[in-house]
Protein backbone atom coordinates (compact mmCIF):
# COMPACT_ATOMS: atom_id res chain seq x y z
CA UNK A 1 0.00 0.00 0.00
CA UNK A 2 1.46 3.35 -1.02
CA UNK A 3 0.97 5.67 1.91
CA UNK A 4 4.08 7.91 2.01
CA UNK A 5 5.04 11.01 0.04
CA UNK A 6 8.52 11.94 -1.13
CA UNK A 7 9.28 15.57 -1.85
CA UNK A 8 12.55 16.81 -3.32
CA UNK A 9 13.71 20.00 -5.00
CA UNK A 10 15.53 19.44 -8.27
CA UNK A 11 16.65 21.61 -11.16
CA UNK A 12 13.75 22.40 -13.50
CA UNK A 13 15.59 21.32 -16.65
CA UNK A 14 16.66 18.01 -15.13
CA UNK A 15 13.11 17.33 -13.96
CA UNK A 16 11.45 18.10 -17.29
CA UNK A 17 14.02 16.20 -19.36
CA UNK A 18 13.77 13.12 -17.14
CA UNK A 19 9.97 13.24 -17.06
CA UNK A 20 9.82 13.58 -20.86
CA UNK A 21 11.90 10.42 -21.20
CA UNK A 22 9.82 8.55 -18.63
CA UNK A 23 6.64 9.62 -20.41
CA UNK A 24 7.97 8.24 -23.71
CA UNK A 25 8.76 4.99 -21.91
CA UNK A 26 5.32 4.95 -20.29
CA UNK A 27 6.76 4.81 -16.77
CA UNK A 28 5.34 7.00 -14.00
CA UNK A 29 7.85 8.96 -11.91
CA UNK A 30 6.53 7.28 -8.76
CA UNK A 31 7.46 3.85 -10.16
CA UNK A 32 11.05 4.99 -10.80
CA UNK A 33 11.38 6.50 -7.31
CA UNK A 34 9.90 3.37 -5.71
CA UNK A 35 12.29 1.19 -7.74
CA UNK A 36 15.26 3.32 -6.70
CA UNK A 37 14.28 3.04 -3.03
CA UNK A 38 13.90 -0.75 -3.36
CA UNK A 39 17.36 -1.00 -4.94
CA UNK A 40 18.84 1.07 -2.09
CA UNK A 41 17.30 -1.38 0.38
CA UNK A 42 18.36 -4.45 -1.63
CA UNK A 43 21.97 -3.26 -2.04
CA UNK A 44 22.15 -1.59 1.35
CA UNK A 45 23.46 1.49 -0.43
CA UNK A 46 23.15 3.58 -3.55
CA UNK A 47 22.76 1.30 -6.60
CA UNK A 48 25.32 3.10 -8.74
CA UNK A 49 28.85 4.36 -8.32
CA UNK A 50 29.28 7.75 -6.72
CA UNK A 51 32.84 8.78 -7.50
CA UNK A 52 34.64 11.90 -8.54
CA UNK A 53 35.97 11.27 -12.05
CA UNK A 54 39.68 11.74 -12.45
CA UNK A 55 40.77 14.40 -14.87
CA UNK A 56 43.14 13.18 -17.55
CA UNK A 57 46.59 14.70 -17.27
CA UNK A 58 47.43 17.35 -19.81
CA UNK A 59 50.78 17.44 -21.54
CA UNK A 60 51.98 20.38 -19.45
CA UNK A 61 51.39 18.44 -16.21
CA UNK A 62 53.27 15.29 -17.28
CA UNK A 63 56.86 14.72 -16.30
CA UNK A 64 59.32 14.12 -19.13
CA UNK A 65 59.39 10.43 -18.23
CA UNK A 66 55.55 10.15 -18.31
CA UNK A 67 55.35 11.97 -21.63
CA UNK A 68 58.08 9.82 -23.17
CA UNK A 69 56.37 6.64 -21.92
CA UNK A 70 53.06 7.73 -23.49
CA UNK A 71 54.74 8.63 -26.77
CA UNK A 72 56.61 5.30 -26.82
CA UNK A 73 53.38 3.39 -26.13
CA UNK A 74 51.59 5.28 -28.92
CA UNK A 75 54.46 4.63 -31.32
CA UNK A 76 54.38 0.90 -30.53
CA UNK A 77 50.60 0.79 -31.08
CA UNK A 78 50.94 2.56 -34.42
CA UNK A 79 53.80 0.28 -35.53
CA UNK A 80 51.66 -2.76 -34.66
CA UNK A 81 48.73 -1.40 -36.69
CA UNK A 82 46.55 -1.00 -33.60
CA UNK A 83 45.61 2.61 -34.24
CA UNK A 84 42.74 4.16 -36.17
CA UNK A 85 43.05 6.44 -39.19
CA UNK A 86 43.17 10.08 -38.08
CA UNK A 87 40.31 10.94 -40.47
CA UNK A 88 38.08 8.50 -38.59
CA UNK A 89 39.07 10.01 -35.23
CA UNK A 90 38.47 13.57 -36.43
CA UNK A 91 35.10 12.61 -37.95
CA UNK A 92 34.07 11.16 -34.58
CA UNK A 93 35.25 14.28 -32.74
CA UNK A 94 33.33 16.54 -35.13
CA UNK A 95 30.14 14.53 -34.59
CA UNK A 96 30.48 15.16 -30.85
CA UNK A 97 30.66 18.90 -31.44
CA UNK A 98 27.42 19.09 -33.41
PDB file of N, CA and C in Angstrom:
ATOM      1  N   UNK A   1       0.845  -1.173   0.000  1.00  0.00           N
ATOM      2  CA  UNK A   1       0.000   0.000   0.000  1.00  0.00           C
ATOM      3  C   UNK A   1       0.897   1.245   0.000  1.00  0.00           C
ATOM      4  N   UNK A   2       0.674   2.107  -0.932  1.00  0.00           N
ATOM      5  CA  UNK A   2       1.457   3.348  -1.018  1.00  0.00           C
ATOM      6  C   UNK A   2       0.816   4.393  -0.121  1.00  0.00           C
ATOM      7  N   UNK A   3       1.543   4.729   0.959  1.00  0.00           N
ATOM      8  CA  UNK A   3       0.969   5.675   1.907  1.00  0.00           C
ATOM      9  C   UNK A   3       1.977   6.716   2.391  1.00  0.00           C
ATOM     10  N   UNK A   4       3.080   6.913   1.629  1.00  0.00           N
ATOM     11  CA  UNK A   4       4.079   7.911   2.007  1.00  0.00           C
ATOM     12  C   UNK A   4       4.359   8.807   0.804  1.00  0.00           C
ATOM     13  N   UNK A   5       4.738  10.035   1.084  1.00  0.00           N
ATOM     14  CA  UNK A   5       5.040  11.012   0.041  1.00  0.00           C
ATOM     15  C   UNK A   5       6.512  11.382   0.121  1.00  0.00           C
ATOM     16  N   UNK A   6       7.143  11.483  -1.048  1.00  0.00           N
ATOM     17  CA  UNK A   6       8.519  11.937  -1.129  1.00  0.00           C
ATOM     18  C   UNK A   6       8.507  13.287  -1.821  1.00  0.00           C
ATOM     19  N   UNK A   7       9.211  14.244  -1.248  1.00  0.00           N
ATOM     20  CA  UNK A   7       9.283  15.570  -1.847  1.00  0.00           C
ATOM     21  C   UNK A   7      10.744  15.971  -1.949  1.00  0.00           C
ATOM     22  N   UNK A   8      11.152  16.398  -3.123  1.00  0.00           N
ATOM     23  CA  UNK A   8      12.546  16.814  -3.317  1.00  0.00           C
ATOM     24  C   UNK A   8      12.587  17.977  -4.293  1.00  0.00           C
ATOM     25  N   UNK A   9      13.528  18.886  -4.075  1.00  0.00           N
ATOM     26  CA  UNK A   9      13.711  20.004  -4.997  1.00  0.00           C
ATOM     27  C   UNK A   9      14.823  19.632  -5.962  1.00  0.00           C
ATOM     28  N   UNK A  10      14.545  19.743  -7.238  1.00  0.00           N
ATOM     29  CA  UNK A  10      15.532  19.441  -8.271  1.00  0.00           C
ATOM     30  C   UNK A  10      15.537  20.570  -9.294  1.00  0.00           C
ATOM     31  N   UNK A  11      16.577  20.596 -10.108  1.00  0.00           N
ATOM     32  CA  UNK A  11      16.648  21.608 -11.157  1.00  0.00           C
ATOM     33  C   UNK A  11      15.516  21.386 -12.161  1.00  0.00           C
ATOM     34  N   UNK A  12      14.900  22.475 -12.603  1.00  0.00           N
ATOM     35  CA  UNK A  12      13.750  22.398 -13.496  1.00  0.00           C
ATOM     36  C   UNK A  12      14.084  21.640 -14.781  1.00  0.00           C
ATOM     37  N   UNK A  13      15.213  21.965 -15.393  1.00  0.00           N
ATOM     38  CA  UNK A  13      15.594  21.319 -16.647  1.00  0.00           C
ATOM     39  C   UNK A  13      15.811  19.832 -16.496  1.00  0.00           C
ATOM     40  N   UNK A  14      16.432  19.436 -15.397  1.00  0.00           N
ATOM     41  CA  UNK A  14      16.664  18.010 -15.131  1.00  0.00           C
ATOM     42  C   UNK A  14      15.329  17.298 -14.966  1.00  0.00           C
ATOM     43  N   UNK A  15      14.426  17.924 -14.212  1.00  0.00           N
ATOM     44  CA  UNK A  15      13.110  17.330 -13.961  1.00  0.00           C
ATOM     45  C   UNK A  15      12.330  17.145 -15.262  1.00  0.00           C
ATOM     46  N   UNK A  16      12.254  18.189 -16.067  1.00  0.00           N
ATOM     47  CA  UNK A  16      11.446  18.099 -17.288  1.00  0.00           C
ATOM     48  C   UNK A  16      12.050  17.126 -18.285  1.00  0.00           C
ATOM     49  N   UNK A  17      13.381  17.129 -18.412  1.00  0.00           N
ATOM     50  CA  UNK A  17      14.016  16.200 -19.356  1.00  0.00           C
ATOM     51  C   UNK A  17      13.795  14.747 -18.936  1.00  0.00           C
ATOM     52  N   UNK A  18      13.978  14.477 -17.638  1.00  0.00           N
ATOM     53  CA  UNK A  18      13.769  13.120 -17.139  1.00  0.00           C
ATOM     54  C   UNK A  18      12.310  12.697 -17.287  1.00  0.00           C
ATOM     55  N   UNK A  19      11.387  13.591 -16.955  1.00  0.00           N
ATOM     56  CA  UNK A  19       9.967  13.242 -17.061  1.00  0.00           C
ATOM     57  C   UNK A  19       9.538  13.028 -18.507  1.00  0.00           C
ATOM     58  N   UNK A  20      10.115  13.793 -19.437  1.00  0.00           N
ATOM     59  CA  UNK A  20       9.817  13.577 -20.858  1.00  0.00           C
ATOM     60  C   UNK A  20      10.236  12.177 -21.295  1.00  0.00           C
ATOM     61  N   UNK A  21      11.415  11.761 -20.848  1.00  0.00           N
ATOM     62  CA  UNK A  21      11.903  10.421 -21.197  1.00  0.00           C
ATOM     63  C   UNK A  21      11.019   9.356 -20.571  1.00  0.00           C
ATOM     64  N   UNK A  22      10.685   9.526 -19.303  1.00  0.00           N
ATOM     65  CA  UNK A  22       9.823   8.555 -18.632  1.00  0.00           C
ATOM     66  C   UNK A  22       8.458   8.475 -19.291  1.00  0.00           C
ATOM     67  N   UNK A  23       7.928   9.624 -19.737  1.00  0.00           N
ATOM     68  CA  UNK A  23       6.641   9.625 -20.413  1.00  0.00           C
ATOM     69  C   UNK A  23       6.714   8.825 -21.710  1.00  0.00           C
ATOM     70  N   UNK A  24       7.790   9.002 -22.472  1.00  0.00           N
ATOM     71  CA  UNK A  24       7.965   8.241 -23.715  1.00  0.00           C
ATOM     72  C   UNK A  24       8.057   6.744 -23.437  1.00  0.00           C
ATOM     73  N   UNK A  25       8.646   6.400 -22.288  1.00  0.00           N
ATOM     74  CA  UNK A  25       8.760   4.992 -21.908  1.00  0.00           C
ATOM     75  C   UNK A  25       7.477   4.455 -21.280  1.00  0.00           C
ATOM     76  N   UNK A  26       6.567   5.360 -20.925  1.00  0.00           N
ATOM     77  CA  UNK A  26       5.319   4.951 -20.295  1.00  0.00           C
ATOM     78  C   UNK A  26       5.489   4.548 -18.831  1.00  0.00           C
ATOM     79  N   UNK A  27       6.476   5.148 -18.167  1.00  0.00           N
ATOM     80  CA  UNK A  27       6.761   4.809 -16.773  1.00  0.00           C
ATOM     81  C   UNK A  27       6.484   6.024 -15.890  1.00  0.00           C
ATOM     82  N   UNK A  28       5.598   5.893 -14.913  1.00  0.00           N
ATOM     83  CA  UNK A  28       5.341   7.003 -13.996  1.00  0.00           C
ATOM     84  C   UNK A  28       6.566   7.290 -13.124  1.00  0.00           C
ATOM     85  N   UNK A  29       6.733   8.554 -12.760  1.00  0.00           N
ATOM     86  CA  UNK A  29       7.849   8.963 -11.913  1.00  0.00           C
ATOM     87  C   UNK A  29       7.821   8.188 -10.589  1.00  0.00           C
ATOM     88  N   UNK A  30       6.639   7.975 -10.047  1.00  0.00           N
ATOM     89  CA  UNK A  30       6.534   7.275  -8.760  1.00  0.00           C
ATOM     90  C   UNK A  30       7.082   5.849  -8.847  1.00  0.00           C
ATOM     91  N   UNK A  31       6.933   5.202  -9.985  1.00  0.00           N
ATOM     92  CA  UNK A  31       7.463   3.846 -10.165  1.00  0.00           C
ATOM     93  C   UNK A  31       8.994   3.870 -10.137  1.00  0.00           C
ATOM     94  N   UNK A  32       9.588   4.874 -10.783  1.00  0.00           N
ATOM     95  CA  UNK A  32      11.045   4.991 -10.801  1.00  0.00           C
ATOM     96  C   UNK A  32      11.578   5.264  -9.393  1.00  0.00           C
ATOM     97  N   UNK A  33      10.937   6.175  -8.675  1.00  0.00           N
ATOM     98  CA  UNK A  33      11.380   6.496  -7.313  1.00  0.00           C
ATOM     99  C   UNK A  33      11.234   5.274  -6.412  1.00  0.00           C
ATOM    100  N   UNK A  34      10.116   4.579  -6.512  1.00  0.00           N
ATOM    101  CA  UNK A  34       9.898   3.369  -5.708  1.00  0.00           C
ATOM    102  C   UNK A  34      10.947   2.309  -6.044  1.00  0.00           C
ATOM    103  N   UNK A  35      11.273   2.163  -7.331  1.00  0.00           N
ATOM    104  CA  UNK A  35      12.291   1.194  -7.744  1.00  0.00           C
ATOM    105  C   UNK A  35      13.667   1.569  -7.201  1.00  0.00           C
ATOM    106  N   UNK A  36      13.990   2.858  -7.246  1.00  0.00           N
ATOM    107  CA  UNK A  36      15.264   3.321  -6.697  1.00  0.00           C
ATOM    108  C   UNK A  36      15.339   3.010  -5.203  1.00  0.00           C
ATOM    109  N   UNK A  37      14.301   3.321  -4.464  1.00  0.00           N
ATOM    110  CA  UNK A  37      14.284   3.043  -3.032  1.00  0.00           C
ATOM    111  C   UNK A  37      14.449   1.543  -2.756  1.00  0.00           C
ATOM    112  N   UNK A  38      13.782   0.706  -3.553  1.00  0.00           N
ATOM    113  CA  UNK A  38      13.898  -0.747  -3.363  1.00  0.00           C
ATOM    114  C   UNK A  38      15.324  -1.220  -3.632  1.00  0.00           C
ATOM    115  N   UNK A  39      15.968  -0.636  -4.648  1.00  0.00           N
ATOM    116  CA  UNK A  39      17.360  -0.998  -4.941  1.00  0.00           C
ATOM    117  C   UNK A  39      18.294  -0.553  -3.814  1.00  0.00           C
ATOM    118  N   UNK A  40      18.032   0.603  -3.233  1.00  0.00           N
ATOM    119  CA  UNK A  40      18.836   1.066  -2.093  1.00  0.00           C
ATOM    120  C   UNK A  40      18.720   0.071  -0.941  1.00  0.00           C
ATOM    121  N   UNK A  41      17.515  -0.392  -0.691  1.00  0.00           N
ATOM    122  CA  UNK A  41      17.296  -1.382   0.381  1.00  0.00           C
ATOM    123  C   UNK A  41      17.984  -2.693   0.021  1.00  0.00           C
ATOM    124  N   UNK A  42      17.799  -3.164  -1.197  1.00  0.00           N
ATOM    125  CA  UNK A  42      18.363  -4.446  -1.635  1.00  0.00           C
ATOM    126  C   UNK A  42      19.885  -4.436  -1.566  1.00  0.00           C
ATOM    127  N   UNK A  43      20.501  -3.348  -2.001  1.00  0.00           N
ATOM    128  CA  UNK A  43      21.970  -3.262  -2.037  1.00  0.00           C
ATOM    129  C   UNK A  43      22.574  -2.696  -0.756  1.00  0.00           C
ATOM    130  N   UNK A  44      21.699  -2.233   0.116  1.00  0.00           N
ATOM    131  CA  UNK A  44      22.151  -1.589   1.353  1.00  0.00           C
ATOM    132  C   UNK A  44      23.065  -0.409   1.027  1.00  0.00           C
ATOM    133  N   UNK A  45      22.691   0.325   0.002  1.00  0.00           N
ATOM    134  CA  UNK A  45      23.459   1.487  -0.427  1.00  0.00           C
ATOM    135  C   UNK A  45      22.923   1.995  -1.752  1.00  0.00           C
ATOM    136  N   UNK A  46      23.567   3.003  -2.278  1.00  0.00           N
ATOM    137  CA  UNK A  46      23.152   3.585  -3.553  1.00  0.00           C
ATOM    138  C   UNK A  46      23.485   2.596  -4.674  1.00  0.00           C
ATOM    139  N   UNK A  47      22.553   2.341  -5.602  1.00  0.00           N
ATOM    140  CA  UNK A  47      22.760   1.296  -6.605  1.00  0.00           C
ATOM    141  C   UNK A  47      23.612   1.698  -7.809  1.00  0.00           C
ATOM    142  N   UNK A  48      24.399   2.719  -7.669  1.00  0.00           N
ATOM    143  CA  UNK A  48      25.319   3.102  -8.738  1.00  0.00           C
ATOM    144  C   UNK A  48      26.523   3.776  -8.098  1.00  0.00           C
ATOM    145  N   UNK A  49      27.605   3.824  -8.847  1.00  0.00           N
ATOM    146  CA  UNK A  49      28.849   4.356  -8.322  1.00  0.00           C
ATOM    147  C   UNK A  49      28.770   5.865  -8.142  1.00  0.00           C
ATOM    148  N   UNK A  50      29.194   6.326  -6.999  1.00  0.00           N
ATOM    149  CA  UNK A  50      29.284   7.753  -6.721  1.00  0.00           C
ATOM    150  C   UNK A  50      30.758   8.080  -6.506  1.00  0.00           C
ATOM    151  N   UNK A  51      31.416   8.468  -7.581  1.00  0.00           N
ATOM    152  CA  UNK A  51      32.837   8.783  -7.500  1.00  0.00           C
ATOM    153  C   UNK A  51      33.109  10.095  -8.218  1.00  0.00           C
ATOM    154  N   UNK A  52      34.186  10.702  -7.855  1.00  0.00           N
ATOM    155  CA  UNK A  52      34.636  11.903  -8.539  1.00  0.00           C
ATOM    156  C   UNK A  52      35.524  11.436  -9.692  1.00  0.00           C
ATOM    157  N   UNK A  53      35.154  11.739 -10.932  1.00  0.00           N
ATOM    158  CA  UNK A  53      35.969  11.270 -12.049  1.00  0.00           C
ATOM    159  C   UNK A  53      37.340  11.939 -12.025  1.00  0.00           C
ATOM    160  N   UNK A  54      38.338  11.178 -12.401  1.00  0.00           N
ATOM    161  CA  UNK A  54      39.676  11.744 -12.450  1.00  0.00           C
ATOM    162  C   UNK A  54      39.848  12.494 -13.764  1.00  0.00           C
ATOM    163  N   UNK A  55      40.495  13.605 -13.678  1.00  0.00           N
ATOM    164  CA  UNK A  55      40.766  14.404 -14.871  1.00  0.00           C
ATOM    165  C   UNK A  55      41.995  13.828 -15.565  1.00  0.00           C
ATOM    166  N   UNK A  56      41.941  13.652 -16.870  1.00  0.00           N
ATOM    167  CA  UNK A  56      43.144  13.182 -17.554  1.00  0.00           C
ATOM    168  C   UNK A  56      44.240  14.237 -17.452  1.00  0.00           C
ATOM    169  N   UNK A  57      45.466  13.770 -17.358  1.00  0.00           N
ATOM    170  CA  UNK A  57      46.587  14.697 -17.272  1.00  0.00           C
ATOM    171  C   UNK A  57      46.787  15.371 -18.622  1.00  0.00           C
ATOM    172  N   UNK A  58      47.104  16.638 -18.585  1.00  0.00           N
ATOM    173  CA  UNK A  58      47.434  17.346 -19.808  1.00  0.00           C
ATOM    174  C   UNK A  58      48.942  17.300 -20.002  1.00  0.00           C
ATOM    175  N   UNK A  59      49.371  17.557 -21.231  1.00  0.00           N
ATOM    176  CA  UNK A  59      50.783  17.438 -21.543  1.00  0.00           C
ATOM    177  C   UNK A  59      51.650  18.306 -20.627  1.00  0.00           C
ATOM    178  N   UNK A  60      51.175  19.483 -20.280  1.00  0.00           N
ATOM    179  CA  UNK A  60      51.983  20.377 -19.451  1.00  0.00           C
ATOM    180  C   UNK A  60      52.091  19.929 -17.998  1.00  0.00           C
ATOM    181  N   UNK A  61      51.287  18.928 -17.582  1.00  0.00           N
ATOM    182  CA  UNK A  61      51.391  18.441 -16.210  1.00  0.00           C
ATOM    183  C   UNK A  61      52.166  17.126 -16.119  1.00  0.00           C
ATOM    184  N   UNK A  62      52.517  16.542 -17.271  1.00  0.00           N
ATOM    185  CA  UNK A  62      53.272  15.291 -17.277  1.00  0.00           C
ATOM    186  C   UNK A  62      54.756  15.560 -17.067  1.00  0.00           C
ATOM    187  N   UNK A  63      55.408  14.633 -16.385  1.00  0.00           N
ATOM    188  CA  UNK A  63      56.859  14.716 -16.300  1.00  0.00           C
ATOM    189  C   UNK A  63      57.424  14.277 -17.651  1.00  0.00           C
ATOM    190  N   UNK A  64      58.685  14.560 -17.883  1.00  0.00           N
ATOM    191  CA  UNK A  64      59.316  14.123 -19.132  1.00  0.00           C
ATOM    192  C   UNK A  64      59.235  12.607 -19.283  1.00  0.00           C
ATOM    193  N   UNK A  65      59.432  11.891 -18.184  1.00  0.00           N
ATOM    194  CA  UNK A  65      59.388  10.430 -18.227  1.00  0.00           C
ATOM    195  C   UNK A  65      57.981   9.931 -18.587  1.00  0.00           C
ATOM    196  N   UNK A  66      56.935  10.548 -17.999  1.00  0.00           N
ATOM    197  CA  UNK A  66      55.552  10.147 -18.306  1.00  0.00           C
ATOM    198  C   UNK A  66      55.215  10.439 -19.766  1.00  0.00           C
ATOM    199  N   UNK A  67      55.616  11.610 -20.245  1.00  0.00           N
ATOM    200  CA  UNK A  67      55.350  11.970 -21.633  1.00  0.00           C
ATOM    201  C   UNK A  67      56.069  11.016 -22.577  1.00  0.00           C
ATOM    202  N   UNK A  68      57.327  10.730 -22.309  1.00  0.00           N
ATOM    203  CA  UNK A  68      58.085   9.815 -23.165  1.00  0.00           C
ATOM    204  C   UNK A  68      57.474   8.420 -23.164  1.00  0.00           C
ATOM    205  N   UNK A  69      57.002   7.958 -22.015  1.00  0.00           N
ATOM    206  CA  UNK A  69      56.366   6.639 -21.924  1.00  0.00           C
ATOM    207  C   UNK A  69      55.085   6.608 -22.755  1.00  0.00           C
ATOM    208  N   UNK A  70      54.294   7.665 -22.697  1.00  0.00           N
ATOM    209  CA  UNK A  70      53.059   7.727 -23.492  1.00  0.00           C
ATOM    210  C   UNK A  70      53.375   7.761 -24.985  1.00  0.00           C
ATOM    211  N   UNK A  71      54.360   8.555 -25.362  1.00  0.00           N
ATOM    212  CA  UNK A  71      54.743   8.629 -26.772  1.00  0.00           C
ATOM    213  C   UNK A  71      55.277   7.285 -27.260  1.00  0.00           C
ATOM    214  N   UNK A  72      56.072   6.610 -26.442  1.00  0.00           N
ATOM    215  CA  UNK A  72      56.606   5.301 -26.817  1.00  0.00           C
ATOM    216  C   UNK A  72      55.474   4.296 -26.987  1.00  0.00           C
ATOM    217  N   UNK A  73      54.528   4.297 -26.050  1.00  0.00           N
ATOM    218  CA  UNK A  73      53.376   3.389 -26.130  1.00  0.00           C
ATOM    219  C   UNK A  73      52.575   3.655 -27.408  1.00  0.00           C
ATOM    220  N   UNK A  74      52.342   4.916 -27.706  1.00  0.00           N
ATOM    221  CA  UNK A  74      51.593   5.279 -28.918  1.00  0.00           C
ATOM    222  C   UNK A  74      52.340   4.847 -30.167  1.00  0.00           C
ATOM    223  N   UNK A  75      53.656   5.035 -30.168  1.00  0.00           N
ATOM    224  CA  UNK A  75      54.465   4.630 -31.321  1.00  0.00           C
ATOM    225  C   UNK A  75      54.370   3.120 -31.525  1.00  0.00           C
ATOM    226  N   UNK A  76      54.455   2.361 -30.439  1.00  0.00           N
ATOM    227  CA  UNK A  76      54.381   0.900 -30.530  1.00  0.00           C
ATOM    228  C   UNK A  76      53.012   0.454 -31.034  1.00  0.00           C
ATOM    229  N   UNK A  77      51.949   1.117 -30.593  1.00  0.00           N
ATOM    230  CA  UNK A  77      50.600   0.786 -31.083  1.00  0.00           C
ATOM    231  C   UNK A  77      50.496   1.061 -32.581  1.00  0.00           C
ATOM    232  N   UNK A  78      51.001   2.206 -33.006  1.00  0.00           N
ATOM    233  CA  UNK A  78      50.943   2.562 -34.425  1.00  0.00           C
ATOM    234  C   UNK A  78      51.753   1.582 -35.259  1.00  0.00           C
ATOM    235  N   UNK A  79      52.942   1.218 -34.792  1.00  0.00           N
ATOM    236  CA  UNK A  79      53.801   0.283 -35.528  1.00  0.00           C
ATOM    237  C   UNK A  79      53.154  -1.086 -35.647  1.00  0.00           C
ATOM    238  N   UNK A  80      52.338  -1.465 -34.649  1.00  0.00           N
ATOM    239  CA  UNK A  80      51.659  -2.760 -34.659  1.00  0.00           C
ATOM    240  C   UNK A  80      50.326  -2.699 -35.407  1.00  0.00           C
ATOM    241  N   UNK A  81      49.991  -1.529 -35.947  1.00  0.00           N
ATOM    242  CA  UNK A  81      48.727  -1.398 -36.690  1.00  0.00           C
ATOM    243  C   UNK A  81      47.503  -1.385 -35.798  1.00  0.00           C
ATOM    244  N   UNK A  82      47.664  -0.989 -34.554  1.00  0.00           N
ATOM    245  CA  UNK A  82      46.546  -0.998 -33.604  1.00  0.00           C
ATOM    246  C   UNK A  82      45.800   0.336 -33.543  1.00  0.00           C
ATOM    247  N   UNK A  83      46.252   1.307 -34.279  1.00  0.00           N
ATOM    248  CA  UNK A  83      45.606   2.615 -34.240  1.00  0.00           C
ATOM    249  C   UNK A  83      44.438   2.712 -35.208  1.00  0.00           C
ATOM    250  N   UNK A  84      43.829   3.882 -35.226  1.00  0.00           N
ATOM    251  CA  UNK A  84      42.745   4.163 -36.167  1.00  0.00           C
ATOM    252  C   UNK A  84      43.198   5.297 -37.074  1.00  0.00           C
ATOM    253  N   UNK A  85      42.689   5.334 -38.304  1.00  0.00           N
ATOM    254  CA  UNK A  85      43.045   6.443 -39.194  1.00  0.00           C
ATOM    255  C   UNK A  85      42.614   7.777 -38.580  1.00  0.00           C
ATOM    256  N   UNK A  86      43.472   8.790 -38.709  1.00  0.00           N
ATOM    257  CA  UNK A  86      43.168  10.079 -38.080  1.00  0.00           C
ATOM    258  C   UNK A  86      41.883  10.681 -38.630  1.00  0.00           C
ATOM    259  N   UNK A  87      41.557  10.395 -39.901  1.00  0.00           N
ATOM    260  CA  UNK A  87      40.311  10.939 -40.468  1.00  0.00           C
ATOM    261  C   UNK A  87      39.105  10.388 -39.720  1.00  0.00           C
ATOM    262  N   UNK A  88      39.173   9.122 -39.344  1.00  0.00           N
ATOM    263  CA  UNK A  88      38.079   8.502 -38.591  1.00  0.00           C
ATOM    264  C   UNK A  88      37.946   9.142 -37.209  1.00  0.00           C
ATOM    265  N   UNK A  89      39.078   9.394 -36.564  1.00  0.00           N
ATOM    266  CA  UNK A  89      39.074  10.006 -35.231  1.00  0.00           C
ATOM    267  C   UNK A  89      38.512  11.420 -35.306  1.00  0.00           C
ATOM    268  N   UNK A  90      38.966  12.203 -36.303  1.00  0.00           N
ATOM    269  CA  UNK A  90      38.470  13.574 -36.431  1.00  0.00           C
ATOM    270  C   UNK A  90      36.989  13.608 -36.787  1.00  0.00           C
ATOM    271  N   UNK A  91      36.535  12.687 -37.630  1.00  0.00           N
ATOM    272  CA  UNK A  91      35.104  12.613 -37.947  1.00  0.00           C
ATOM    273  C   UNK A  91      34.289  12.361 -36.678  1.00  0.00           C
ATOM    274  N   UNK A  92      34.775  11.461 -35.832  1.00  0.00           N
ATOM    275  CA  UNK A  92      34.073  11.159 -34.583  1.00  0.00           C
ATOM    276  C   UNK A  92      34.059  12.367 -33.649  1.00  0.00           C
ATOM    277  N   UNK A  93      35.186  13.076 -33.576  1.00  0.00           N
ATOM    278  CA  UNK A  93      35.248  14.276 -32.741  1.00  0.00           C
ATOM    279  C   UNK A  93      34.286  15.351 -33.245  1.00  0.00           C
ATOM    280  N   UNK A  94      34.229  15.542 -34.561  1.00  0.00           N
ATOM    281  CA  UNK A  94      33.327  16.539 -35.126  1.00  0.00           C
ATOM    282  C   UNK A  94      31.870  16.207 -34.857  1.00  0.00           C
ATOM    283  N   UNK A  95      31.518  14.931 -34.892  1.00  0.00           N
ATOM    284  CA  UNK A  95      30.135  14.526 -34.589  1.00  0.00           C
ATOM    285  C   UNK A  95      29.770  14.921 -33.166  1.00  0.00           C
ATOM    286  N   UNK A  96      30.726  14.805 -32.245  1.00  0.00           N
ATOM    287  CA  UNK A  96      30.478  15.162 -30.852  1.00  0.00           C
ATOM    288  C   UNK A  96      30.295  16.658 -30.648  1.00  0.00           C
ATOM    289  N   UNK A  97      30.797  17.462 -31.565  1.00  0.00           N
ATOM    290  CA  UNK A  97      30.665  18.901 -31.443  1.00  0.00           C
ATOM    291  C   UNK A  97      29.340  19.411 -31.984  1.00  0.00           C
ATOM    292  N   UNK A  98      28.697  18.647 -32.793  1.00  0.00           N
ATOM    293  CA  UNK A  98      27.418  19.086 -33.410  1.00  0.00           C
ATOM    294  C   UNK A  98      26.246  18.829 -32.524  1.00  0.00           C
TER     295      UNK A  98
END
